[in-house]
Every structure is written in structure tokens, then in C-alpha cells.
């Protein structure tokens, strides 16, 4: 799974026994060489789906990590792009990866907890990739409310969501086993490290987005094919703040 440039098993173990923030501070220099970084294929599919919904002035990458999501925002936004994350190490890596690139639109980085975003309505498009497993279901309302508050009227909040694997598929049991192991770890060890793969069901997410004030549309990401029943393997959730 990992390249020679990625973290060692020992480094991953130390990270997994740390808090989320400190764990990502440790992992940041090698994060882009792990399977945890959102693949370019996904980023490109999301960008293509969002392009007809623009143009956009300013963009916000929520839980930006090393800045992969800014690859989606920068071609779509004319004014500025902001990445926000609570790991200082990830923000350093994001800033370094952007050094030397054209700074059009303007690019900035903010350290903050996504559950308490410090932004007034200033953005037209917000995206997030691969971070929602770090939020318990009880924390989603605060997360979505903060994004809603940060968007201008008519602004969009977009993120991909995969269909749950079928019970007969090995991935189903892999994800179930991972979540069980994390729950046991968090019962026995402090600080906790919240990372679950089965706590972000589309139905509950849509309800929480609606309660936060969004109207929600789903766009199939055809790049990733469809399941035997015809439903897409991946959807782009596009939540709009009403005008």
C-alpha cells in the first residue's frame, strides 16, 4: 500500500496512538505518499462536475490537509482560495507544496477547528475531501452549520460520498473490522483518535445538511461506474445555501 517515501509501520503506530491533531502533525511530511490522500482521479471528477455550476469568486477547502482540494478550487475560483485545517503540520506541508506555483487566485491557509469555523459569509464554494470520518455523527451539525455560515447566499458546499460496499464484498468486512478496532482502541487508550469509515451514511448526512439550512442535490460521478442495481458507486453531494 505504501511507497518507500511513505511512513514506516513504526511511524504509523506512533501516529495512531496520538491525538488526531498531533498524529497528523507527525504524518504531514509523508502524507502525500500514502493511500490516504484523495486520488487525483477523484479530484478531477469533482472539478468537472462543479465547473458547469460556476463561476465562483472565492473557495474554501475544509479540512484541507496538504492542500489536495485546492487543485479543485483554484481553476474554478477567480478571486481567492483558502485552506483550513487544525493540524499545523498539514498546513506547513500544504504551503510548501504550493510554493512556486502561480498564486492566481490568491491562496491562503488558516489554522482552525472545522467544528468552529471562524469565517463570516465570504465564500462561494466550499469543498472537503476524505475528512468526514474524523467527525462523530453528533459533531456533524456544528460542522455543517459552520460551512453554511461561511458561504455567501447561493454558495455551494460539495463533497464526494461513496456507496457503502455490499455485505458480500471483502471491503465491507475490512471497513467493519477497522471501525471495530478503532472503537476498542478509543476505549482503552487516551487521547482518542476518531477515524471511522461507517459513520457518514448519505441519508443521515442529507438530513443534517437540511437542518443546517442547505438544499441538497446529488450528482453521480460516472467516472467511477455503477453498482449492479444501477446506482452510482460515487456521488457528489452539492448543498446550496439559499439566496
C-alpha atoms as a PDB file:
ATOM      1  CA  UNK A   1       0.000   0.000   0.000  1.00  0.00           C
ATOM      2  CA  UNK A   2       2.794   2.454   0.808  1.00  0.00           C
ATOM      3  CA  UNK A   3       5.745   3.671  -1.221  1.00  0.00           C
ATOM      4  CA  UNK A   4       9.316   3.792   0.048  1.00  0.00           C
ATOM      5  CA  UNK A   5       8.776   7.528   0.590  1.00  0.00           C
ATOM      6  CA  UNK A   6       5.798   6.948   2.854  1.00  0.00           C
ATOM      7  CA  UNK A   7       5.654   6.419   6.635  1.00  0.00           C
ATOM      8  CA  UNK A   8       7.094   3.306   8.225  1.00  0.00           C
ATOM      9  CA  UNK A   9       4.973   0.915  10.272  1.00  0.00           C
ATOM     10  CA  UNK A  10       6.519   2.358  13.426  1.00  0.00           C
ATOM     11  CA  UNK A  11       5.626   5.905  12.378  1.00  0.00           C
ATOM     12  CA  UNK A  12       2.039   4.873  11.628  1.00  0.00           C
ATOM     13  CA  UNK A  13       1.798   3.174  15.019  1.00  0.00           C
ATOM     14  CA  UNK A  14       3.004   6.293  16.824  1.00  0.00           C
ATOM     15  CA  UNK A  15       0.512   8.364  14.836  1.00  0.00           C
ATOM     16  CA  UNK A  16      -2.363   6.006  15.639  1.00  0.00           C
ATOM     17  CA  UNK A  17      -1.611   6.254  19.362  1.00  0.00           C
ATOM     18  CA  UNK A  18      -1.576  10.065  19.271  1.00  0.00           C
ATOM     19  CA  UNK A  19      -4.381  12.601  19.178  1.00  0.00           C
ATOM     20  CA  UNK A  20      -5.814  13.420  15.755  1.00  0.00           C
ATOM     21  CA  UNK A  21      -4.034  16.782  15.649  1.00  0.00           C
ATOM     22  CA  UNK A  22      -0.638  15.529  16.782  1.00  0.00           C
ATOM     23  CA  UNK A  23      -0.956  12.394  14.677  1.00  0.00           C
ATOM     24  CA  UNK A  24      -1.412  14.443  11.522  1.00  0.00           C
ATOM     25  CA  UNK A  25       1.367  16.812  12.511  1.00  0.00           C
ATOM     26  CA  UNK A  26       3.639  13.744  12.565  1.00  0.00           C
ATOM     27  CA  UNK A  27       2.270  12.269   9.343  1.00  0.00           C
ATOM     28  CA  UNK A  28       2.192  15.521   7.348  1.00  0.00           C
ATOM     29  CA  UNK A  29       5.650  15.362   5.690  1.00  0.00           C
ATOM     30  CA  UNK A  30       4.851  11.933   4.190  1.00  0.00           C
ATOM     31  CA  UNK A  31       1.069  12.135   3.894  1.00  0.00           C
ATOM     32  CA  UNK A  32       1.010  12.588   0.122  1.00  0.00           C
ATOM     33  CA  UNK A  33       2.877   9.285  -0.234  1.00  0.00           C
ATOM     34  CA  UNK A  34       0.116   7.295   1.485  1.00  0.00           C
ATOM     35  CA  UNK A  35      -3.205   5.946   0.150  1.00  0.00           C
ATOM     36  CA  UNK A  36      -4.995   8.387   2.479  1.00  0.00           C
ATOM     37  CA  UNK A  37      -4.505  11.328   0.115  1.00  0.00           C
ATOM     38  CA  UNK A  38      -7.521  11.792  -2.161  1.00  0.00           C
ATOM     39  CA  UNK A  39      -6.569  10.435  -5.614  1.00  0.00           C
ATOM     40  CA  UNK A  40      -6.195  12.880  -8.480  1.00  0.00           C
ATOM     41  CA  UNK A  41      -8.831  10.879 -10.360  1.00  0.00           C
ATOM     42  CA  UNK A  42     -11.405  11.812  -7.708  1.00  0.00           C
ATOM     43  CA  UNK A  43     -10.309  15.446  -7.589  1.00  0.00           C
ATOM     44  CA  UNK A  44     -10.593  15.730 -11.370  1.00  0.00           C
ATOM     45  CA  UNK A  45     -14.058  14.116 -11.430  1.00  0.00           C
ATOM     46  CA  UNK A  46     -15.329  16.538  -8.797  1.00  0.00           C
ATOM     47  CA  UNK A  47     -13.857  19.530 -10.639  1.00  0.00           C
ATOM     48  CA  UNK A  48     -15.548  18.507 -13.881  1.00  0.00           C
ATOM     49  CA  UNK A  49     -18.900  18.135 -12.111  1.00  0.00           C
ATOM     50  CA  UNK A  50     -18.626  21.526 -10.400  1.00  0.00           C
ATOM     51  CA  UNK A  51     -17.411  23.510 -13.421  1.00  0.00           C
ATOM     52  CA  UNK A  52     -20.875  23.941 -15.025  1.00  0.00           C
ATOM     53  CA  UNK A  53     -22.246  25.143 -11.666  1.00  0.00           C
ATOM     54  CA  UNK A  54     -19.901  28.162 -11.558  1.00  0.00           C
ATOM     55  CA  UNK A  55     -18.381  30.614 -11.981  1.00  0.00           C
ATOM     56  CA  UNK A  56     -17.206  31.101  -8.403  1.00  0.00           C
ATOM     57  CA  UNK A  57     -15.446  34.004  -6.762  1.00  0.00           C
ATOM     58  CA  UNK A  58     -13.793  32.564  -3.650  1.00  0.00           C
ATOM     59  CA  UNK A  59     -13.321  28.979  -2.468  1.00  0.00           C
ATOM     60  CA  UNK A  60     -12.814  27.226   0.872  1.00  0.00           C
ATOM     61  CA  UNK A  61     -11.153  23.823   1.325  1.00  0.00           C
ATOM     62  CA  UNK A  62     -12.495  22.459   4.628  1.00  0.00           C
ATOM     63  CA  UNK A  63     -10.033  20.143   6.419  1.00  0.00           C
ATOM     64  CA  UNK A  64      -7.573  20.862   3.627  1.00  0.00           C
ATOM     65  CA  UNK A  65      -4.736  18.654   4.868  1.00  0.00           C
ATOM     66  CA  UNK A  66      -1.802  19.015   2.495  1.00  0.00           C
ATOM     67  CA  UNK A  67      -3.935  21.007   0.057  1.00  0.00           C
ATOM     68  CA  UNK A  68      -5.109  18.417  -2.459  1.00  0.00           C
ATOM     69  CA  UNK A  69      -8.578  20.003  -2.541  1.00  0.00           C
ATOM     70  CA  UNK A  70      -7.158  23.315  -3.670  1.00  0.00           C
ATOM     71  CA  UNK A  71      -6.451  21.571  -7.000  1.00  0.00           C
ATOM     72  CA  UNK A  72     -10.217  21.553  -7.456  1.00  0.00           C
ATOM     73  CA  UNK A  73     -10.820  25.093  -6.272  1.00  0.00           C
ATOM     74  CA  UNK A  74      -8.083  27.085  -7.947  1.00  0.00           C
ATOM     75  CA  UNK A  75      -9.200  26.581 -11.575  1.00  0.00           C
ATOM     76  CA  UNK A  76     -12.821  27.254 -10.563  1.00  0.00           C
ATOM     77  CA  UNK A  77     -12.387  30.371  -8.403  1.00  0.00           C
ATOM     78  CA  UNK A  78     -11.434  33.789  -9.724  1.00  0.00           C
ATOM     79  CA  UNK A  79     -10.620  35.718  -6.548  1.00  0.00           C
ATOM     80  CA  UNK A  80      -9.066  33.625  -3.777  1.00  0.00           C
ATOM     81  CA  UNK A  81      -8.833  30.153  -2.275  1.00  0.00           C
ATOM     82  CA  UNK A  82      -8.454  29.404   1.440  1.00  0.00           C
ATOM     83  CA  UNK A  83      -7.477  26.108   3.024  1.00  0.00           C
ATOM     84  CA  UNK A  84      -8.422  25.477   6.660  1.00  0.00           C
ATOM     85  CA  UNK A  85      -7.159  22.669   8.901  1.00  0.00           C
ATOM     86  CA  UNK A  86      -6.403  22.257  12.587  1.00  0.00           C
ATOM     87  CA  UNK A  87      -3.081  20.457  12.042  1.00  0.00           C
ATOM     88  CA  UNK A  88      -0.219  22.926  11.860  1.00  0.00           C
ATOM     89  CA  UNK A  89       1.959  20.264  10.253  1.00  0.00           C
ATOM     90  CA  UNK A  90      -0.503  19.648   7.445  1.00  0.00           C
ATOM     91  CA  UNK A  91      -0.770  23.377   6.772  1.00  0.00           C
ATOM     92  CA  UNK A  92       3.023  23.658   6.544  1.00  0.00           C
ATOM     93  CA  UNK A  93       3.039  20.814   4.009  1.00  0.00           C
ATOM     94  CA  UNK A  94       0.214  22.456   2.058  1.00  0.00           C
ATOM     95  CA  UNK A  95       2.034  25.774   1.932  1.00  0.00           C
ATOM     96  CA  UNK A  96       5.279  24.117   0.835  1.00  0.00           C
ATOM     97  CA  UNK A  97       3.563  22.128  -1.908  1.00  0.00           C
ATOM     98  CA  UNK A  98       2.055  25.344  -3.290  1.00  0.00           C
ATOM     99  CA  UNK A  99       5.323  27.294  -3.236  1.00  0.00           C
ATOM    100  CA  UNK A 100       6.484  28.136  -6.725  1.00  0.00           C
ATOM    101  CA  UNK A 101       3.041  27.723  -8.262  1.00  0.00           C
ATOM    102  CA  UNK A 102       1.136  30.611  -9.745  1.00  0.00           C
ATOM    103  CA  UNK A 103      -0.718  32.390  -6.945  1.00  0.00           C
ATOM    104  CA  UNK A 104      -3.738  33.239  -9.080  1.00  0.00           C
ATOM    105  CA  UNK A 105      -6.188  33.198  -7.485  1.00  0.00           C
ATOM    106  CA  UNK A 106      -4.706  34.317  -4.169  1.00  0.00           C
ATOM    107  CA  UNK A 107      -4.027  31.370  -1.855  1.00  0.00           C
ATOM    108  CA  UNK A 108      -4.085  31.443   1.958  1.00  0.00           C
ATOM    109  CA  UNK A 109      -4.056  28.963   4.846  1.00  0.00           C
ATOM    110  CA  UNK A 110      -5.902  29.178   8.169  1.00  0.00           C
ATOM    111  CA  UNK A 111      -5.473  27.007  11.239  1.00  0.00           C
ATOM    112  CA  UNK A 112      -8.867  26.324  12.832  1.00  0.00           C
ATOM    113  CA  UNK A 113     -11.148  23.541  14.048  1.00  0.00           C
ATOM    114  CA  UNK A 114     -13.731  22.690  11.380  1.00  0.00           C
ATOM    115  CA  UNK A 115     -16.333  22.340  14.123  1.00  0.00           C
ATOM    116  CA  UNK A 116     -15.945  26.061  14.853  1.00  0.00           C
ATOM    117  CA  UNK A 117     -15.012  27.709  11.564  1.00  0.00           C
ATOM    118  CA  UNK A 118     -14.049  31.370  12.089  1.00  0.00           C
ATOM    119  CA  UNK A 119     -15.465  32.747   8.835  1.00  0.00           C
ATOM    120  CA  UNK A 120     -18.213  35.225   8.044  1.00  0.00           C
ATOM    121  CA  UNK A 121     -20.149  34.747   4.765  1.00  0.00           C
ATOM    122  CA  UNK A 122     -17.275  35.236   2.324  1.00  0.00           C
ATOM    123  CA  UNK A 123     -17.102  32.141   0.115  1.00  0.00           C
ATOM    124  CA  UNK A 124     -18.985  30.972  -2.969  1.00  0.00           C
ATOM    125  CA  UNK A 125     -17.789  27.357  -2.986  1.00  0.00           C
ATOM    126  CA  UNK A 126     -16.608  25.053  -0.194  1.00  0.00           C
ATOM    127  CA  UNK A 127     -15.281  21.539  -0.714  1.00  0.00           C
ATOM    128  CA  UNK A 128     -13.978  18.792   1.534  1.00  0.00           C
ATOM    129  CA  UNK A 129     -12.230  15.507   0.770  1.00  0.00           C
ATOM    130  CA  UNK A 130     -11.585  12.476   2.935  1.00  0.00           C
ATOM    131  CA  UNK A 131     -12.036  14.111   6.329  1.00  0.00           C
ATOM    132  CA  UNK A 132     -15.532  13.237   7.496  1.00  0.00           C
ATOM    133  CA  UNK A 133     -14.503  10.024   9.232  1.00  0.00           C
ATOM    134  CA  UNK A 134     -12.870  12.242  11.859  1.00  0.00           C
ATOM    135  CA  UNK A 135     -16.242  13.622  12.975  1.00  0.00           C
ATOM    136  CA  UNK A 136     -18.719  11.746  15.111  1.00  0.00           C
ATOM    137  CA  UNK A 137     -22.346  11.949  13.950  1.00  0.00           C
ATOM    138  CA  UNK A 138     -23.076  14.267  16.886  1.00  0.00           C
ATOM    139  CA  UNK A 139     -20.455  16.706  15.546  1.00  0.00           C
ATOM    140  CA  UNK A 140     -21.835  16.980  12.009  1.00  0.00           C
ATOM    141  CA  UNK A 141     -24.408  19.694  12.860  1.00  0.00           C
ATOM    142  CA  UNK A 142     -21.678  22.061  14.104  1.00  0.00           C
ATOM    143  CA  UNK A 143     -19.509  21.276  11.087  1.00  0.00           C
ATOM    144  CA  UNK A 144     -22.300  21.899   8.576  1.00  0.00           C
ATOM    145  CA  UNK A 145     -23.527  24.998  10.398  1.00  0.00           C
ATOM    146  CA  UNK A 146     -20.031  26.495  10.238  1.00  0.00           C
ATOM    147  CA  UNK A 147     -19.768  25.886   6.496  1.00  0.00           C
ATOM    148  CA  UNK A 148     -23.255  27.335   5.982  1.00  0.00           C
ATOM    149  CA  UNK A 149     -22.215  30.441   7.925  1.00  0.00           C
ATOM    150  CA  UNK A 150     -19.041  30.802   5.825  1.00  0.00           C
ATOM    151  CA  UNK A 151     -20.884  30.744   2.476  1.00  0.00           C
ATOM    152  CA  UNK A 152     -22.463  33.691   0.748  1.00  0.00           C
ATOM    153  CA  UNK A 153     -26.153  33.319  -0.195  1.00  0.00           C
ATOM    154  CA  UNK A 154     -26.319  30.926  -3.125  1.00  0.00           C
ATOM    155  CA  UNK A 155     -22.951  29.377  -2.213  1.00  0.00           C
ATOM    156  CA  UNK A 156     -22.266  25.651  -2.601  1.00  0.00           C
ATOM    157  CA  UNK A 157     -20.775  23.044  -0.296  1.00  0.00           C
ATOM    158  CA  UNK A 158     -19.643  19.991  -2.260  1.00  0.00           C
ATOM    159  CA  UNK A 159     -18.053  16.684  -1.302  1.00  0.00           C
ATOM    160  CA  UNK A 160     -17.965  13.126  -2.709  1.00  0.00           C
ATOM    161  CA  UNK A 161     -19.651  10.226  -0.928  1.00  0.00           C
ATOM    162  CA  UNK A 162     -19.175   6.592  -1.881  1.00  0.00           C
ATOM    163  CA  UNK A 163     -21.903   3.968  -1.830  1.00  0.00           C
ATOM    164  CA  UNK A 164     -21.482   1.526   1.082  1.00  0.00           C
ATOM    165  CA  UNK A 165     -19.838  -1.714  -0.030  1.00  0.00           C
ATOM    166  CA  UNK A 166     -22.088  -4.737  -0.372  1.00  0.00           C
ATOM    167  CA  UNK A 167     -22.003  -7.200   2.514  1.00  0.00           C
ATOM    168  CA  UNK A 168     -20.567  -9.911   0.277  1.00  0.00           C
ATOM    169  CA  UNK A 169     -17.647  -7.710  -0.751  1.00  0.00           C
ATOM    170  CA  UNK A 170     -14.350  -8.071   1.192  1.00  0.00           C
ATOM    171  CA  UNK A 171     -14.208  -4.269   1.576  1.00  0.00           C
ATOM    172  CA  UNK A 172     -17.355  -4.396   3.713  1.00  0.00           C
ATOM    173  CA  UNK A 173     -15.619  -6.589   6.277  1.00  0.00           C
ATOM    174  CA  UNK A 174     -12.364  -4.638   6.058  1.00  0.00           C
ATOM    175  CA  UNK A 175     -14.084  -1.366   6.934  1.00  0.00           C
ATOM    176  CA  UNK A 176     -16.178  -3.004   9.633  1.00  0.00           C
ATOM    177  CA  UNK A 177     -13.066  -4.531  11.180  1.00  0.00           C
ATOM    178  CA  UNK A 178     -11.231  -1.195  11.059  1.00  0.00           C
ATOM    179  CA  UNK A 179     -14.074   0.632  12.800  1.00  0.00           C
ATOM    180  CA  UNK A 180     -14.353  -2.037  15.496  1.00  0.00           C
ATOM    181  CA  UNK A 181     -10.597  -1.886  16.088  1.00  0.00           C
ATOM    182  CA  UNK A 182     -10.734   1.922  16.399  1.00  0.00           C
ATOM    183  CA  UNK A 183     -13.598   1.739  18.892  1.00  0.00           C
ATOM    184  CA  UNK A 184     -11.648  -0.735  21.022  1.00  0.00           C
ATOM    185  CA  UNK A 185      -8.554   1.466  20.763  1.00  0.00           C
ATOM    186  CA  UNK A 186     -10.525   4.512  21.922  1.00  0.00           C
ATOM    187  CA  UNK A 187     -11.979   2.595  24.862  1.00  0.00           C
ATOM    188  CA  UNK A 188      -8.531   1.529  26.048  1.00  0.00           C
ATOM    189  CA  UNK A 189      -6.254   4.438  25.096  1.00  0.00           C
ATOM    190  CA  UNK A 190      -6.123   8.193  25.549  1.00  0.00           C
ATOM    191  CA  UNK A 191      -6.072  10.527  23.768  1.00  0.00           C
ATOM    192  CA  UNK A 192      -8.757   9.238  21.438  1.00  0.00           C
ATOM    193  CA  UNK A 193      -8.231   9.138  17.675  1.00  0.00           C
ATOM    194  CA  UNK A 194     -11.559   9.482  15.887  1.00  0.00           C
ATOM    195  CA  UNK A 195     -11.455   7.902  12.445  1.00  0.00           C
ATOM    196  CA  UNK A 196     -14.355   5.732  11.314  1.00  0.00           C
ATOM    197  CA  UNK A 197     -15.445   4.658   7.846  1.00  0.00           C
ATOM    198  CA  UNK A 198     -19.068   3.758   8.621  1.00  0.00           C
ATOM    199  CA  UNK A 199     -20.358   6.855  10.431  1.00  0.00           C
ATOM    200  CA  UNK A 200     -21.183   9.044   7.426  1.00  0.00           C
ATOM    201  CA  UNK A 201     -24.279   7.493   5.810  1.00  0.00           C
ATOM    202  CA  UNK A 202     -25.777   9.522   2.988  1.00  0.00           C
ATOM    203  CA  UNK A 203     -29.277   9.546   4.483  1.00  0.00           C
ATOM    204  CA  UNK A 204     -28.170  10.987   7.817  1.00  0.00           C
ATOM    205  CA  UNK A 205     -25.834  13.435   6.113  1.00  0.00           C
ATOM    206  CA  UNK A 206     -28.638  14.806   3.924  1.00  0.00           C
ATOM    207  CA  UNK A 207     -30.840  15.281   6.977  1.00  0.00           C
ATOM    208  CA  UNK A 208     -28.110  17.165   8.841  1.00  0.00           C
ATOM    209  CA  UNK A 209     -27.417  19.365   5.828  1.00  0.00           C
ATOM    210  CA  UNK A 210     -31.115  20.205   5.549  1.00  0.00           C
ATOM    211  CA  UNK A 211     -31.263  21.081   9.252  1.00  0.00           C
ATOM    212  CA  UNK A 212     -28.278  23.390   8.757  1.00  0.00           C
ATOM    213  CA  UNK A 213     -30.270  25.268   6.099  1.00  0.00           C
ATOM    214  CA  UNK A 214     -28.969  23.728   2.867  1.00  0.00           C
ATOM    215  CA  UNK A 215     -30.888  22.409  -0.101  1.00  0.00           C
ATOM    216  CA  UNK A 216     -29.234  19.221  -1.343  1.00  0.00           C
ATOM    217  CA  UNK A 217     -28.683  17.770  -4.827  1.00  0.00           C
ATOM    218  CA  UNK A 218     -26.789  14.603  -5.779  1.00  0.00           C
ATOM    219  CA  UNK A 219     -24.660  14.290  -8.911  1.00  0.00           C
ATOM    220  CA  UNK A 220     -23.392  10.850  -9.978  1.00  0.00           C
ATOM    221  CA  UNK A 221     -19.664  10.645 -10.609  1.00  0.00           C
ATOM    222  CA  UNK A 222     -19.861   8.411 -13.667  1.00  0.00           C
ATOM    223  CA  UNK A 223     -16.089   8.124 -13.791  1.00  0.00           C
ATOM    224  CA  UNK A 224     -16.376   5.506 -11.037  1.00  0.00           C
ATOM    225  CA  UNK A 225     -19.093   3.352 -12.591  1.00  0.00           C
ATOM    226  CA  UNK A 226     -22.282   1.930 -11.145  1.00  0.00           C
ATOM    227  CA  UNK A 227     -23.359  -0.882  -8.870  1.00  0.00           C
ATOM    228  CA  UNK A 228     -25.312  -3.942 -10.058  1.00  0.00           C
ATOM    229  CA  UNK A 229     -28.599  -2.205  -9.168  1.00  0.00           C
ATOM    230  CA  UNK A 230     -27.708   0.780 -11.382  1.00  0.00           C
ATOM    231  CA  UNK A 231     -26.925   3.220  -8.576  1.00  0.00           C
ATOM    232  CA  UNK A 232     -23.618   5.130  -8.819  1.00  0.00           C
ATOM    233  CA  UNK A 233     -20.586   3.961  -6.880  1.00  0.00           C
ATOM    234  CA  UNK A 234     -19.816   7.600  -6.029  1.00  0.00           C
ATOM    235  CA  UNK A 235     -21.962  10.711  -5.822  1.00  0.00           C
ATOM    236  CA  UNK A 236     -21.085  14.348  -5.422  1.00  0.00           C
ATOM    237  CA  UNK A 237     -23.223  15.938  -2.741  1.00  0.00           C
ATOM    238  CA  UNK A 238     -23.891  19.578  -3.648  1.00  0.00           C
ATOM    239  CA  UNK A 239     -25.505  21.522  -0.813  1.00  0.00           C
ATOM    240  CA  UNK A 240     -26.653  25.049  -1.635  1.00  0.00           C
ATOM    241  CA  UNK A 241     -27.179  27.890   0.793  1.00  0.00           C
ATOM    242  CA  UNK A 242     -30.450  29.502  -0.333  1.00  0.00           C
ATOM    243  CA  UNK A 243     -30.391  33.032  -1.679  1.00  0.00           C
END
